[in-house]
Amino acid sequence: MNDPLKDADDASTPLTPEEQQDLIPSYITLRRELNEAEQANILEAEQWALARQRNALDLQFLADLHKHMFGHVWRWAGKFRNTERNIGVAPAQIRPDLQQLAADCGYWIKAGTYPPDEIAARFHHRLTLIHPFPNGNGRHARLATDSLLVSLGRPRFSWGRENLIDATQTRKTYVAALRAADQHNLDPLLGFVRS
């Protein structure tokens, strides 16, 4: 039997043994089954998140969004992580960094510092960099970003028009764009999100 919780690729966030025990559906034995269960949950969350205008810069919304996305699959859904990861800020910095991100984006929007797509790309990058949850951070950040775009009157990003969970070339391009943004080069991410 394959381990359903084994990392999909080197850009995935590994779960602690305690977090792995918080898997809700007992029928899951394969990575494919886990992905399908999570995706079904995410489709419900998209309907919830985009059915009406939401404040994507609100910390409670961000936690609620993660809960809606993964709450049928993981008991820790919607709860900020309390363990160190291979990516992301220290657990004690999650809340202050999210508050700073919200304040920065609020200012950028009000002052017109950047065009809406650039604000959204910067928001997405910083949210993935903070990595507030045990897992699902990329998917969460993409849906949170789409919610922000909708609130700004913009269409959702296309995100390369492909599944970004599986280790495809499109996912590699996405991860490379995020890593370029880590080095203050936002151009690859801006090119990717509408490709």
N, C-alpha and C. Protein backbone atom coordinates (compact mmCIF):
# COMPACT_ATOMS: atom_id res chain seq x y z
N MET A 1 0.84 -1.19 0.00
CA MET A 1 0.00 0.00 0.00
C MET A 1 0.88 1.24 0.00
N ASN A 2 0.54 2.20 -0.83
CA ASN A 2 1.25 3.47 -0.86
C ASN A 2 0.86 4.31 0.35
N ASP A 3 1.78 5.15 0.78
CA ASP A 3 1.49 6.07 1.87
C ASP A 3 0.76 7.27 1.27
N PRO A 4 -0.53 7.48 1.61
CA PRO A 4 -1.28 8.57 0.98
C PRO A 4 -0.79 9.94 1.42
N LEU A 5 -0.03 10.00 2.47
CA LEU A 5 0.38 11.29 3.00
C LEU A 5 1.80 11.65 2.63
N LYS A 6 2.44 10.79 1.84
CA LYS A 6 3.80 11.07 1.39
C LYS A 6 3.78 12.30 0.50
N ASP A 7 4.79 13.13 0.62
CA ASP A 7 4.86 14.36 -0.16
C ASP A 7 4.79 14.06 -1.65
N ALA A 8 4.04 14.91 -2.36
CA ALA A 8 3.89 14.75 -3.81
C ALA A 8 5.18 15.14 -4.54
N ASP A 9 5.88 16.13 -4.04
CA ASP A 9 7.14 16.55 -4.65
C ASP A 9 7.92 17.36 -3.62
N ASP A 10 9.09 17.85 -4.01
CA ASP A 10 9.94 18.55 -3.05
C ASP A 10 9.43 19.93 -2.66
N ALA A 11 8.39 20.42 -3.33
CA ALA A 11 7.81 21.72 -2.97
C ALA A 11 6.62 21.56 -2.04
N SER A 12 6.23 20.32 -1.73
CA SER A 12 5.12 20.07 -0.82
C SER A 12 5.58 20.22 0.62
N THR A 13 4.63 20.54 1.48
CA THR A 13 4.91 20.69 2.90
C THR A 13 4.67 19.36 3.60
N PRO A 14 5.70 18.79 4.23
CA PRO A 14 5.48 17.52 4.94
C PRO A 14 4.65 17.73 6.21
N LEU A 15 3.81 16.74 6.51
CA LEU A 15 3.00 16.77 7.72
C LEU A 15 3.73 16.06 8.85
N THR A 16 3.48 16.51 10.08
CA THR A 16 4.02 15.79 11.23
C THR A 16 3.19 14.51 11.43
N PRO A 17 3.72 13.53 12.13
CA PRO A 17 2.93 12.32 12.40
C PRO A 17 1.60 12.62 13.10
N GLU A 18 1.61 13.61 14.01
CA GLU A 18 0.37 13.99 14.69
C GLU A 18 -0.65 14.56 13.71
N GLU A 19 -0.19 15.39 12.78
CA GLU A 19 -1.08 15.96 11.78
C GLU A 19 -1.62 14.88 10.84
N GLN A 20 -0.79 13.90 10.51
CA GLN A 20 -1.24 12.80 9.66
C GLN A 20 -2.37 12.01 10.32
N GLN A 21 -2.33 11.92 11.63
CA GLN A 21 -3.38 11.19 12.35
C GLN A 21 -4.72 11.92 12.33
N ASP A 22 -4.72 13.17 11.92
CA ASP A 22 -5.95 13.96 11.88
C ASP A 22 -6.70 13.84 10.56
N LEU A 23 -6.37 12.84 9.76
CA LEU A 23 -7.10 12.57 8.53
C LEU A 23 -8.49 12.05 8.91
N ILE A 24 -9.54 12.64 8.39
CA ILE A 24 -10.91 12.28 8.78
C ILE A 24 -11.42 11.06 8.02
N PRO A 25 -11.41 11.03 6.67
CA PRO A 25 -11.97 9.87 5.97
C PRO A 25 -11.10 8.62 6.16
N SER A 26 -11.70 7.58 6.69
CA SER A 26 -10.94 6.36 6.97
C SER A 26 -10.70 5.51 5.72
N TYR A 27 -11.43 5.78 4.63
CA TYR A 27 -11.28 4.98 3.42
C TYR A 27 -10.03 5.33 2.61
N ILE A 28 -9.37 6.43 2.92
CA ILE A 28 -8.25 6.90 2.10
C ILE A 28 -7.02 6.05 2.36
N THR A 29 -6.53 5.42 1.29
CA THR A 29 -5.30 4.62 1.36
C THR A 29 -4.30 5.02 0.29
N LEU A 30 -4.72 5.83 -0.67
CA LEU A 30 -3.85 6.23 -1.77
C LEU A 30 -3.80 7.75 -1.90
N ARG A 31 -2.69 8.29 -2.38
CA ARG A 31 -2.54 9.73 -2.62
C ARG A 31 -3.66 10.23 -3.53
N ARG A 32 -4.02 9.44 -4.54
CA ARG A 32 -5.08 9.82 -5.47
C ARG A 32 -6.40 10.02 -4.72
N GLU A 33 -6.71 9.14 -3.78
CA GLU A 33 -7.95 9.26 -3.00
C GLU A 33 -7.92 10.51 -2.12
N LEU A 34 -6.76 10.79 -1.55
CA LEU A 34 -6.61 11.99 -0.74
C LEU A 34 -6.82 13.24 -1.59
N ASN A 35 -6.19 13.27 -2.77
CA ASN A 35 -6.34 14.42 -3.67
C ASN A 35 -7.80 14.61 -4.08
N GLU A 36 -8.50 13.50 -4.37
CA GLU A 36 -9.91 13.58 -4.78
C GLU A 36 -10.78 14.11 -3.64
N ALA A 37 -10.55 13.63 -2.42
CA ALA A 37 -11.33 14.09 -1.27
C ALA A 37 -11.09 15.58 -1.02
N GLU A 38 -9.82 15.98 -1.09
CA GLU A 38 -9.51 17.40 -0.89
C GLU A 38 -10.13 18.25 -1.99
N GLN A 39 -10.05 17.79 -3.24
CA GLN A 39 -10.58 18.57 -4.36
C GLN A 39 -12.08 18.74 -4.26
N ALA A 40 -12.80 17.70 -3.85
CA ALA A 40 -14.25 17.82 -3.67
C ALA A 40 -14.56 18.86 -2.60
N ASN A 41 -13.81 18.85 -1.52
CA ASN A 41 -13.98 19.82 -0.45
C ASN A 41 -13.68 21.23 -0.96
N ILE A 42 -12.63 21.37 -1.76
CA ILE A 42 -12.23 22.68 -2.30
C ILE A 42 -13.31 23.25 -3.23
N LEU A 43 -13.93 22.40 -4.03
CA LEU A 43 -15.00 22.88 -4.92
C LEU A 43 -16.15 23.47 -4.11
N GLU A 44 -16.50 22.84 -2.98
CA GLU A 44 -17.52 23.42 -2.10
C GLU A 44 -17.06 24.77 -1.55
N ALA A 45 -15.79 24.84 -1.18
CA ALA A 45 -15.25 26.08 -0.62
C ALA A 45 -15.25 27.21 -1.65
N GLU A 46 -14.98 26.89 -2.91
CA GLU A 46 -15.02 27.91 -3.96
C GLU A 46 -16.41 28.52 -4.04
N GLN A 47 -17.43 27.68 -4.00
CA GLN A 47 -18.80 28.20 -4.05
C GLN A 47 -19.06 29.12 -2.86
N TRP A 48 -18.62 28.70 -1.67
CA TRP A 48 -18.81 29.52 -0.48
C TRP A 48 -18.06 30.84 -0.60
N ALA A 49 -16.80 30.77 -1.00
CA ALA A 49 -15.94 31.96 -1.02
C ALA A 49 -16.36 32.97 -2.06
N LEU A 50 -16.83 32.49 -3.20
CA LEU A 50 -17.09 33.39 -4.32
C LEU A 50 -18.56 33.69 -4.53
N ALA A 51 -19.43 33.13 -3.69
CA ALA A 51 -20.87 33.35 -3.83
C ALA A 51 -21.24 34.80 -3.54
N ARG A 52 -20.46 35.42 -2.68
CA ARG A 52 -20.68 36.84 -2.39
C ARG A 52 -19.33 37.47 -2.10
N GLN A 53 -19.28 38.77 -2.13
CA GLN A 53 -18.00 39.45 -1.91
C GLN A 53 -17.53 39.23 -0.48
N ARG A 54 -16.27 38.85 -0.34
CA ARG A 54 -15.66 38.59 0.96
C ARG A 54 -14.46 39.51 1.13
N ASN A 55 -14.05 39.72 2.37
CA ASN A 55 -12.86 40.50 2.65
C ASN A 55 -11.67 39.56 2.76
N ALA A 56 -10.96 39.37 1.67
CA ALA A 56 -9.83 38.44 1.64
C ALA A 56 -8.68 38.88 2.52
N LEU A 57 -8.71 40.11 3.01
CA LEU A 57 -7.64 40.61 3.87
C LEU A 57 -7.95 40.42 5.35
N ASP A 58 -9.08 39.82 5.65
CA ASP A 58 -9.48 39.58 7.03
C ASP A 58 -8.93 38.23 7.50
N LEU A 59 -8.24 38.22 8.63
CA LEU A 59 -7.61 36.99 9.13
C LEU A 59 -8.65 35.91 9.42
N GLN A 60 -9.81 36.30 9.93
CA GLN A 60 -10.85 35.30 10.19
C GLN A 60 -11.33 34.68 8.88
N PHE A 61 -11.47 35.50 7.83
CA PHE A 61 -11.84 34.95 6.53
C PHE A 61 -10.80 33.94 6.05
N LEU A 62 -9.52 34.28 6.19
CA LEU A 62 -8.47 33.36 5.74
C LEU A 62 -8.54 32.02 6.47
N ALA A 63 -8.77 32.06 7.78
CA ALA A 63 -8.90 30.81 8.55
C ALA A 63 -10.17 30.07 8.15
N ASP A 64 -11.28 30.80 8.01
CA ASP A 64 -12.54 30.17 7.61
C ASP A 64 -12.44 29.55 6.22
N LEU A 65 -11.75 30.24 5.31
CA LEU A 65 -11.57 29.71 3.96
C LEU A 65 -10.83 28.38 4.01
N HIS A 66 -9.75 28.30 4.76
CA HIS A 66 -9.00 27.04 4.87
C HIS A 66 -9.89 25.95 5.47
N LYS A 67 -10.69 26.30 6.46
CA LYS A 67 -11.61 25.33 7.08
C LYS A 67 -12.62 24.84 6.06
N HIS A 68 -13.17 25.74 5.25
CA HIS A 68 -14.11 25.33 4.21
C HIS A 68 -13.43 24.46 3.15
N MET A 69 -12.16 24.71 2.87
CA MET A 69 -11.45 23.97 1.84
C MET A 69 -11.06 22.56 2.27
N PHE A 70 -10.75 22.38 3.55
CA PHE A 70 -10.19 21.10 4.00
C PHE A 70 -10.90 20.49 5.21
N GLY A 71 -11.98 21.09 5.67
CA GLY A 71 -12.65 20.66 6.89
C GLY A 71 -13.27 19.29 6.86
N HIS A 72 -13.59 18.76 5.67
CA HIS A 72 -14.13 17.40 5.57
C HIS A 72 -13.03 16.36 5.54
N VAL A 73 -11.77 16.82 5.41
CA VAL A 73 -10.66 15.90 5.23
C VAL A 73 -9.70 15.90 6.41
N TRP A 74 -9.44 17.08 6.99
CA TRP A 74 -8.45 17.21 8.06
C TRP A 74 -9.04 17.89 9.29
N ARG A 75 -8.78 17.36 10.47
CA ARG A 75 -9.27 17.97 11.71
C ARG A 75 -8.61 19.31 12.01
N TRP A 76 -7.39 19.53 11.50
CA TRP A 76 -6.68 20.78 11.75
C TRP A 76 -7.03 21.88 10.74
N ALA A 77 -7.95 21.63 9.86
CA ALA A 77 -8.32 22.62 8.84
C ALA A 77 -8.77 23.93 9.51
N GLY A 78 -8.25 25.03 9.01
CA GLY A 78 -8.62 26.35 9.51
C GLY A 78 -7.84 26.79 10.73
N LYS A 79 -6.93 25.97 11.20
CA LYS A 79 -6.13 26.32 12.38
C LYS A 79 -4.70 26.62 11.93
N PHE A 80 -4.18 27.75 12.41
CA PHE A 80 -2.80 28.09 12.06
C PHE A 80 -1.86 27.04 12.65
N ARG A 81 -0.80 26.76 11.91
CA ARG A 81 0.13 25.72 12.36
C ARG A 81 0.89 26.17 13.60
N ASN A 82 1.32 25.19 14.38
CA ASN A 82 2.10 25.49 15.58
C ASN A 82 3.43 24.75 15.58
N THR A 83 3.84 24.30 14.39
CA THR A 83 5.12 23.61 14.24
C THR A 83 5.93 24.27 13.13
N GLU A 84 7.24 24.14 13.22
CA GLU A 84 8.14 24.65 12.17
C GLU A 84 7.96 23.82 10.90
N ARG A 85 8.24 24.43 9.77
CA ARG A 85 8.14 23.77 8.47
C ARG A 85 9.39 24.03 7.65
N ASN A 86 9.47 23.34 6.50
CA ASN A 86 10.57 23.55 5.57
C ASN A 86 10.40 24.87 4.82
N ILE A 87 9.26 25.51 4.99
CA ILE A 87 8.97 26.81 4.40
C ILE A 87 8.06 27.55 5.37
N GLY A 88 8.11 28.85 5.31
CA GLY A 88 7.19 29.64 6.13
C GLY A 88 7.86 30.25 7.34
N VAL A 89 7.16 31.19 7.93
CA VAL A 89 7.66 31.88 9.11
C VAL A 89 7.50 30.99 10.33
N ALA A 90 8.15 31.37 11.42
CA ALA A 90 7.98 30.67 12.69
C ALA A 90 6.51 30.77 13.11
N PRO A 91 5.99 29.74 13.77
CA PRO A 91 4.58 29.77 14.16
C PRO A 91 4.15 31.03 14.91
N ALA A 92 4.99 31.56 15.77
CA ALA A 92 4.64 32.76 16.53
C ALA A 92 4.52 33.99 15.63
N GLN A 93 5.10 33.95 14.43
CA GLN A 93 5.06 35.09 13.50
C GLN A 93 3.88 35.04 12.54
N ILE A 94 3.15 33.93 12.51
CA ILE A 94 2.08 33.79 11.52
C ILE A 94 1.06 34.91 11.63
N ARG A 95 0.47 35.08 12.78
CA ARG A 95 -0.58 36.09 12.96
C ARG A 95 -0.06 37.51 12.70
N PRO A 96 1.09 37.91 13.30
CA PRO A 96 1.58 39.27 13.01
C PRO A 96 1.92 39.48 11.53
N ASP A 97 2.48 38.45 10.88
CA ASP A 97 2.82 38.60 9.46
C ASP A 97 1.57 38.68 8.59
N LEU A 98 0.53 37.93 8.94
CA LEU A 98 -0.73 38.04 8.20
C LEU A 98 -1.36 39.42 8.40
N GLN A 99 -1.28 39.94 9.61
CA GLN A 99 -1.81 41.27 9.88
C GLN A 99 -1.05 42.33 9.07
N GLN A 100 0.27 42.18 8.98
CA GLN A 100 1.07 43.11 8.20
C GLN A 100 0.75 43.00 6.71
N LEU A 101 0.57 41.76 6.23
CA LEU A 101 0.18 41.55 4.84
C LEU A 101 -1.15 42.23 4.54
N ALA A 102 -2.12 42.06 5.43
CA ALA A 102 -3.43 42.68 5.24
C ALA A 102 -3.31 44.21 5.22
N ALA A 103 -2.51 44.75 6.14
CA ALA A 103 -2.32 46.20 6.19
C ALA A 103 -1.64 46.70 4.92
N ASP A 104 -0.60 46.00 4.47
CA ASP A 104 0.11 46.40 3.25
C ASP A 104 -0.83 46.38 2.04
N CYS A 105 -1.57 45.29 1.88
CA CYS A 105 -2.47 45.19 0.73
C CYS A 105 -3.58 46.24 0.79
N GLY A 106 -4.09 46.46 1.98
CA GLY A 106 -5.11 47.50 2.14
C GLY A 106 -4.58 48.86 1.70
N TYR A 107 -3.34 49.15 2.08
CA TYR A 107 -2.72 50.41 1.67
C TYR A 107 -2.53 50.45 0.15
N TRP A 108 -2.00 49.35 -0.43
CA TRP A 108 -1.76 49.32 -1.88
C TRP A 108 -3.05 49.57 -2.65
N ILE A 109 -4.14 48.98 -2.16
CA ILE A 109 -5.43 49.14 -2.83
C ILE A 109 -5.90 50.59 -2.72
N LYS A 110 -5.89 51.12 -1.51
CA LYS A 110 -6.37 52.49 -1.27
C LYS A 110 -5.53 53.53 -2.01
N ALA A 111 -4.21 53.35 -1.99
CA ALA A 111 -3.31 54.33 -2.61
C ALA A 111 -3.11 54.08 -4.10
N GLY A 112 -3.56 52.94 -4.62
CA GLY A 112 -3.32 52.62 -6.03
C GLY A 112 -1.84 52.42 -6.31
N THR A 113 -1.13 51.86 -5.34
CA THR A 113 0.32 51.68 -5.46
C THR A 113 0.70 50.80 -6.64
N TYR A 114 -0.08 49.75 -6.86
CA TYR A 114 0.17 48.80 -7.96
C TYR A 114 -1.15 48.54 -8.66
N PRO A 115 -1.09 48.05 -9.90
CA PRO A 115 -2.33 47.61 -10.56
C PRO A 115 -2.93 46.42 -9.79
N PRO A 116 -4.23 46.18 -9.93
CA PRO A 116 -4.87 45.10 -9.18
C PRO A 116 -4.22 43.72 -9.33
N ASP A 117 -3.82 43.35 -10.55
CA ASP A 117 -3.18 42.04 -10.73
C ASP A 117 -1.87 41.95 -9.95
N GLU A 118 -1.12 43.03 -9.91
CA GLU A 118 0.14 43.01 -9.17
C GLU A 118 -0.11 42.95 -7.67
N ILE A 119 -1.12 43.66 -7.20
CA ILE A 119 -1.48 43.58 -5.78
C ILE A 119 -1.81 42.13 -5.44
N ALA A 120 -2.62 41.51 -6.28
CA ALA A 120 -3.03 40.12 -6.03
C ALA A 120 -1.84 39.17 -6.07
N ALA A 121 -0.93 39.37 -7.02
CA ALA A 121 0.25 38.50 -7.11
C ALA A 121 1.15 38.69 -5.89
N ARG A 122 1.31 39.92 -5.45
CA ARG A 122 2.11 40.18 -4.24
C ARG A 122 1.44 39.55 -3.01
N PHE A 123 0.13 39.68 -2.91
CA PHE A 123 -0.63 39.07 -1.82
C PHE A 123 -0.42 37.55 -1.83
N HIS A 124 -0.57 36.95 -3.00
CA HIS A 124 -0.41 35.50 -3.12
C HIS A 124 0.98 35.05 -2.69
N HIS A 125 1.98 35.74 -3.20
CA HIS A 125 3.35 35.36 -2.86
C HIS A 125 3.59 35.44 -1.36
N ARG A 126 3.22 36.54 -0.76
CA ARG A 126 3.46 36.71 0.68
C ARG A 126 2.67 35.70 1.50
N LEU A 127 1.45 35.40 1.09
CA LEU A 127 0.63 34.43 1.82
C LEU A 127 1.27 33.03 1.75
N THR A 128 1.78 32.66 0.58
CA THR A 128 2.46 31.35 0.50
C THR A 128 3.77 31.37 1.28
N LEU A 129 4.43 32.49 1.32
CA LEU A 129 5.69 32.61 2.06
C LEU A 129 5.46 32.49 3.57
N ILE A 130 4.38 33.06 4.06
CA ILE A 130 4.03 32.95 5.48
C ILE A 130 3.68 31.50 5.81
N HIS A 131 2.97 30.83 4.92
CA HIS A 131 2.63 29.41 5.07
C HIS A 131 1.89 29.15 6.39
N PRO A 132 0.71 29.74 6.55
CA PRO A 132 0.07 29.73 7.88
C PRO A 132 -0.49 28.39 8.36
N PHE A 133 -0.73 27.44 7.47
CA PHE A 133 -1.42 26.21 7.84
C PHE A 133 -0.50 24.99 7.71
N PRO A 134 -0.86 23.89 8.35
CA PRO A 134 -0.03 22.69 8.24
C PRO A 134 0.15 22.22 6.80
N ASN A 135 -0.88 22.37 5.97
CA ASN A 135 -0.80 21.94 4.58
C ASN A 135 -1.89 22.65 3.79
N GLY A 136 -1.82 22.56 2.46
CA GLY A 136 -2.81 23.17 1.61
C GLY A 136 -2.60 24.66 1.40
N ASN A 137 -1.42 25.16 1.72
CA ASN A 137 -1.17 26.60 1.67
C ASN A 137 -1.22 27.17 0.26
N GLY A 138 -0.69 26.46 -0.72
CA GLY A 138 -0.73 26.96 -2.10
C GLY A 138 -2.15 27.04 -2.62
N ARG A 139 -2.91 25.97 -2.42
CA ARG A 139 -4.30 25.96 -2.87
C ARG A 139 -5.11 27.02 -2.14
N HIS A 140 -4.87 27.16 -0.84
CA HIS A 140 -5.56 28.19 -0.04
C HIS A 140 -5.19 29.58 -0.56
N ALA A 141 -3.91 29.83 -0.78
CA ALA A 141 -3.47 31.15 -1.23
C ALA A 141 -4.04 31.47 -2.61
N ARG A 142 -4.17 30.47 -3.48
CA ARG A 142 -4.74 30.73 -4.81
C ARG A 142 -6.21 31.12 -4.69
N LEU A 143 -6.98 30.42 -3.86
CA LEU A 143 -8.39 30.75 -3.73
C LEU A 143 -8.58 32.08 -2.99
N ALA A 144 -7.76 32.34 -1.98
CA ALA A 144 -7.81 33.63 -1.28
C ALA A 144 -7.49 34.76 -2.25
N THR A 145 -6.50 34.54 -3.10
CA THR A 145 -6.12 35.55 -4.10
C THR A 145 -7.26 35.78 -5.09
N ASP A 146 -7.88 34.70 -5.55
CA ASP A 146 -9.02 34.85 -6.45
C ASP A 146 -10.15 35.63 -5.78
N SER A 147 -10.37 35.38 -4.50
CA SER A 147 -11.39 36.12 -3.76
C SER A 147 -11.03 37.61 -3.69
N LEU A 148 -9.74 37.90 -3.48
CA LEU A 148 -9.29 39.30 -3.48
C LEU A 148 -9.53 39.93 -4.85
N LEU A 149 -9.18 39.22 -5.91
CA LEU A 149 -9.39 39.76 -7.26
C LEU A 149 -10.86 40.07 -7.52
N VAL A 150 -11.74 39.15 -7.14
CA VAL A 150 -13.18 39.37 -7.34
C VAL A 150 -13.62 40.62 -6.58
N SER A 151 -13.11 40.80 -5.37
CA SER A 151 -13.49 41.99 -4.59
C SER A 151 -12.97 43.27 -5.24
N LEU A 152 -11.92 43.15 -6.05
CA LEU A 152 -11.37 44.31 -6.76
C LEU A 152 -12.00 44.49 -8.14
N GLY A 153 -13.00 43.65 -8.45
CA GLY A 153 -13.68 43.75 -9.74
C GLY A 153 -12.90 43.15 -10.89
N ARG A 154 -11.97 42.28 -10.58
CA ARG A 154 -11.13 41.65 -11.61
C ARG A 154 -11.49 40.18 -11.75
N PRO A 155 -11.25 39.58 -12.92
CA PRO A 155 -11.48 38.14 -13.06
C PRO A 155 -10.41 37.35 -12.29
N ARG A 156 -10.78 36.15 -11.93
CA ARG A 156 -9.85 35.25 -11.23
C ARG A 156 -8.64 34.98 -12.11
N PHE A 157 -7.51 34.65 -11.48
CA PHE A 157 -6.32 34.25 -12.23
C PHE A 157 -6.56 32.86 -12.84
N SER A 158 -5.86 32.56 -13.92
CA SER A 158 -5.97 31.25 -14.58
C SER A 158 -5.02 30.22 -13.96
N TRP A 159 -3.97 30.68 -13.27
CA TRP A 159 -3.01 29.80 -12.59
C TRP A 159 -2.46 28.73 -13.53
N GLY A 160 -2.14 29.10 -14.75
CA GLY A 160 -1.56 28.16 -15.70
C GLY A 160 -2.54 27.19 -16.31
N ARG A 161 -3.82 27.33 -15.96
CA ARG A 161 -4.90 26.51 -16.51
C ARG A 161 -4.69 25.01 -16.33
N GLU A 162 -4.04 24.62 -15.28
CA GLU A 162 -3.77 23.20 -15.07
C GLU A 162 -3.75 22.91 -13.57
N ASN A 163 -3.94 21.65 -13.25
CA ASN A 163 -3.85 21.17 -11.87
C ASN A 163 -2.45 21.46 -11.33
N LEU A 164 -2.38 22.17 -10.23
CA LEU A 164 -1.07 22.51 -9.66
C LEU A 164 -0.71 21.62 -8.48
N ILE A 165 -1.49 20.58 -8.24
CA ILE A 165 -1.20 19.65 -7.15
C ILE A 165 -0.20 18.60 -7.60
N ASP A 166 -0.45 18.02 -8.79
CA ASP A 166 0.44 16.98 -9.30
C ASP A 166 1.75 17.59 -9.81
N ALA A 167 2.81 16.79 -9.75
CA ALA A 167 4.15 17.26 -10.12
C ALA A 167 4.29 17.34 -11.64
N THR A 168 3.65 18.33 -12.25
CA THR A 168 3.71 18.55 -13.69
C THR A 168 4.68 19.68 -13.99
N GLN A 169 4.92 19.90 -15.26
CA GLN A 169 5.76 21.02 -15.67
C GLN A 169 5.12 22.34 -15.28
N THR A 170 3.79 22.41 -15.35
CA THR A 170 3.11 23.64 -14.96
C THR A 170 3.35 23.94 -13.49
N ARG A 171 3.27 22.91 -12.64
CA ARG A 171 3.55 23.12 -11.21
C ARG A 171 5.00 23.56 -11.00
N LYS A 172 5.91 22.97 -11.74
CA LYS A 172 7.32 23.37 -11.62
C LYS A 172 7.50 24.84 -12.02
N THR A 173 6.79 25.27 -13.05
CA THR A 173 6.85 26.67 -13.48
C THR A 173 6.29 27.58 -12.39
N TYR A 174 5.18 27.16 -11.79
CA TYR A 174 4.56 27.92 -10.70
C TYR A 174 5.52 28.04 -9.51
N VAL A 175 6.10 26.94 -9.09
CA VAL A 175 7.03 26.95 -7.95
C VAL A 175 8.25 27.81 -8.28
N ALA A 176 8.75 27.71 -9.50
CA ALA A 176 9.90 28.54 -9.91
C ALA A 176 9.52 30.03 -9.87
N ALA A 177 8.30 30.35 -10.26
CA ALA A 177 7.84 31.75 -10.22
C ALA A 177 7.76 32.25 -8.78
N LEU A 178 7.30 31.40 -7.87
CA LEU A 178 7.27 31.78 -6.46
C LEU A 178 8.68 31.98 -5.92
N ARG A 179 9.59 31.12 -6.31
CA ARG A 179 10.98 31.25 -5.84
C ARG A 179 11.65 32.49 -6.42
N ALA A 180 11.29 32.86 -7.65
CA ALA A 180 11.80 34.11 -8.21
C ALA A 180 11.26 35.30 -7.42
N ALA A 181 9.98 35.22 -7.03
CA ALA A 181 9.39 36.29 -6.21
C ALA A 181 10.08 36.38 -4.85
N ASP A 182 10.54 35.24 -4.33
CA ASP A 182 11.32 35.26 -3.08
C ASP A 182 12.56 36.14 -3.23
N GLN A 183 13.08 36.22 -4.46
CA GLN A 183 14.27 37.01 -4.76
C GLN A 183 13.90 38.39 -5.32
N HIS A 184 12.65 38.80 -5.09
CA HIS A 184 12.14 40.12 -5.48
C HIS A 184 11.96 40.29 -6.98
N ASN A 185 11.83 39.19 -7.70
CA ASN A 185 11.52 39.25 -9.13
C ASN A 185 10.11 38.72 -9.32
N LEU A 186 9.14 39.62 -9.43
CA LEU A 186 7.73 39.25 -9.54
C LEU A 186 7.30 38.94 -10.96
N ASP A 187 8.15 39.26 -11.95
CA ASP A 187 7.76 39.09 -13.36
C ASP A 187 7.33 37.67 -13.71
N PRO A 188 8.06 36.61 -13.34
CA PRO A 188 7.59 35.27 -13.68
C PRO A 188 6.22 34.92 -13.09
N LEU A 189 5.96 35.36 -11.87
CA LEU A 189 4.66 35.08 -11.25
C LEU A 189 3.56 35.86 -11.97
N LEU A 190 3.82 37.14 -12.29
CA LEU A 190 2.83 37.93 -13.01
C LEU A 190 2.53 37.32 -14.38
N GLY A 191 3.55 36.77 -15.02
CA GLY A 191 3.33 36.10 -16.31
C GLY A 191 2.57 34.81 -16.16
N PHE A 192 2.82 34.08 -15.09
CA PHE A 192 2.19 32.77 -14.88
C PHE A 192 0.71 32.87 -14.53
N VAL A 193 0.34 33.80 -13.68
CA VAL A 193 -1.01 33.81 -13.11
C VAL A 193 -2.10 34.05 -14.15
N ARG A 194 -1.77 34.67 -15.26
CA ARG A 194 -2.74 34.91 -16.32
C ARG A 194 -2.43 34.09 -17.58
N SER A 195 -1.55 33.09 -17.45
CA SER A 195 -1.19 32.28 -18.65
C SER A 195 -2.20 31.18 -18.88
